[in-house]
Protein backbone atom coordinates (compact mmCIF):
# COMPACT_ATOMS: atom_id res chain seq x y z
CA UNK A 1 49.01 35.60 11.14
CA UNK A 2 52.30 33.84 11.62
CA UNK A 3 55.42 36.23 10.98
CA UNK A 4 56.47 36.45 7.28
CA UNK A 5 59.68 37.32 5.65
CA UNK A 6 60.10 39.42 3.06
CA UNK A 7 58.27 37.54 0.76
CA UNK A 8 55.17 36.09 2.55
CA UNK A 9 53.63 32.58 2.07
CA UNK A 10 51.52 33.24 -0.54
CA UNK A 11 53.68 34.75 -2.50
CA UNK A 12 56.22 31.97 -2.74
CA UNK A 13 53.17 29.51 -3.54
CA UNK A 14 52.07 31.94 -6.56
CA UNK A 15 55.78 31.90 -7.54
CA UNK A 16 55.81 27.98 -7.03
CA UNK A 17 52.79 27.43 -9.40
CA UNK A 18 53.45 30.09 -11.81
CA UNK A 19 57.03 28.04 -12.24
CA UNK A 20 56.19 24.44 -11.76
CA UNK A 21 52.85 24.98 -13.56
CA UNK A 22 54.64 26.48 -16.48
CA UNK A 23 56.99 23.82 -16.77
CA UNK A 24 54.27 21.07 -16.59
CA UNK A 25 52.05 22.75 -19.11
CA UNK A 26 55.04 23.27 -21.21
CA UNK A 27 56.49 19.55 -21.04
CA UNK A 28 53.07 18.14 -21.41
CA UNK A 29 51.92 20.59 -24.64
CA UNK A 30 55.27 19.84 -26.29
CA UNK A 31 54.30 16.28 -25.69
CA UNK A 32 50.83 16.12 -27.03
CA UNK A 33 51.69 18.73 -29.98
CA UNK A 34 55.02 17.00 -31.36
CA UNK A 35 54.41 13.52 -30.15
CA UNK A 36 50.68 12.45 -31.32
CA UNK A 37 51.08 9.28 -32.77
CA UNK A 38 54.41 8.53 -31.48
CA UNK A 39 54.07 8.45 -28.27
CA UNK A 40 51.91 5.56 -26.39
CA UNK A 41 48.49 6.50 -25.58
CA UNK A 42 48.83 5.90 -22.26
CA UNK A 43 51.22 8.60 -21.91
CA UNK A 44 49.16 11.18 -24.50
CA UNK A 45 46.21 10.56 -21.93
CA UNK A 46 48.48 11.23 -19.27
CA UNK A 47 49.84 14.56 -20.67
CA UNK A 48 46.56 15.77 -21.49
CA UNK A 49 45.30 15.01 -17.85
CA UNK A 50 48.37 16.67 -16.06
CA UNK A 51 47.95 19.87 -18.96
CA UNK A 52 44.34 20.07 -17.79
CA UNK A 53 45.30 19.81 -14.11
CA UNK A 54 48.04 22.67 -14.11
CA UNK A 55 45.35 24.89 -16.43
CA UNK A 56 42.93 24.58 -13.85
CA UNK A 57 45.83 25.14 -10.48
CA UNK A 58 47.07 28.05 -12.43
CA UNK A 59 43.66 29.53 -13.04
CA UNK A 60 42.53 29.35 -9.86
CA UNK A 61 45.44 30.70 -8.32
CA UNK A 62 45.35 33.65 -11.02
CA UNK A 63 42.00 34.43 -10.15
CA UNK A 64 42.85 34.53 -6.10
CA UNK A 65 45.72 36.58 -7.17
CA UNK A 66 43.94 39.31 -9.08
CA UNK A 67 41.13 39.52 -6.12
CA UNK A 68 43.78 39.86 -3.66
CA UNK A 69 45.51 42.46 -5.66
CA UNK A 70 42.63 44.54 -6.72
CA UNK A 71 39.93 43.98 -4.55
CA UNK A 72 40.74 43.00 -1.24
CA UNK A 73 40.84 46.20 0.80
CA UNK A 74 43.52 45.12 3.24
CA UNK A 75 46.20 44.41 0.53
CA UNK A 76 46.02 47.99 -1.22
CA UNK A 77 49.56 48.66 -0.19
CA UNK A 78 50.64 45.96 -2.02
CA UNK A 79 49.97 46.97 -5.48
CA UNK A 80 50.67 50.59 -4.66
CA UNK A 81 54.52 49.44 -3.26
CA UNK A 82 54.80 48.12 -6.88
CA UNK A 83 53.55 51.45 -8.71
CA UNK A 84 55.17 53.83 -6.46
CA UNK A 85 58.22 51.79 -4.43
CA UNK A 86 56.95 53.23 -1.08
CA UNK A 87 54.90 50.52 1.46
CA UNK A 88 53.57 52.02 4.80
CA UNK A 89 55.55 50.82 7.64
CA UNK A 90 51.87 49.47 9.25
CA UNK A 91 51.32 47.24 6.08
CA UNK A 92 54.97 46.16 6.24
CA UNK A 93 54.91 45.19 9.72
CA UNK A 94 51.12 43.27 9.66
CA UNK A 95 52.48 41.39 6.56
CA UNK A 96 55.94 40.64 6.52
CA UNK A 97 56.34 41.02 10.30
CA UNK A 98 59.87 38.94 10.24
CA UNK A 99 61.22 41.41 7.71
CA UNK A 100 59.89 44.54 9.15
CA UNK A 101 61.93 43.57 12.20
CA UNK A 102 65.25 42.55 10.15
CA UNK A 103 65.12 46.09 8.63
CA UNK A 104 63.82 48.01 11.75
CA UNK A 105 66.92 46.51 13.38
CA UNK A 106 69.27 47.80 10.70
CA UNK A 107 67.83 51.16 10.76
CA UNK A 108 68.48 51.69 14.62
């Protein structure tokens, strides 16, 4: 696994999908809701397509996120760290090695 910072690549992708997908769904949803009959048919169809595509992408990422958080045996320390405020050093070293090295340098 390549060295990861405080937030690993999966966490960064999750953030982007939630923010960008939410904005896209919000904008297209508003056009579909309030623009019906006032916007062109082509724009309306594109809004429906983009809204649906964002929903599918966000649903897929949500299912993967739930699987990794709840069921994946190597990720158990992640949800535990959110609940209890503690992350085992081995987990931190393996999943966030770049960040771990920065912290270790501060401790020494």
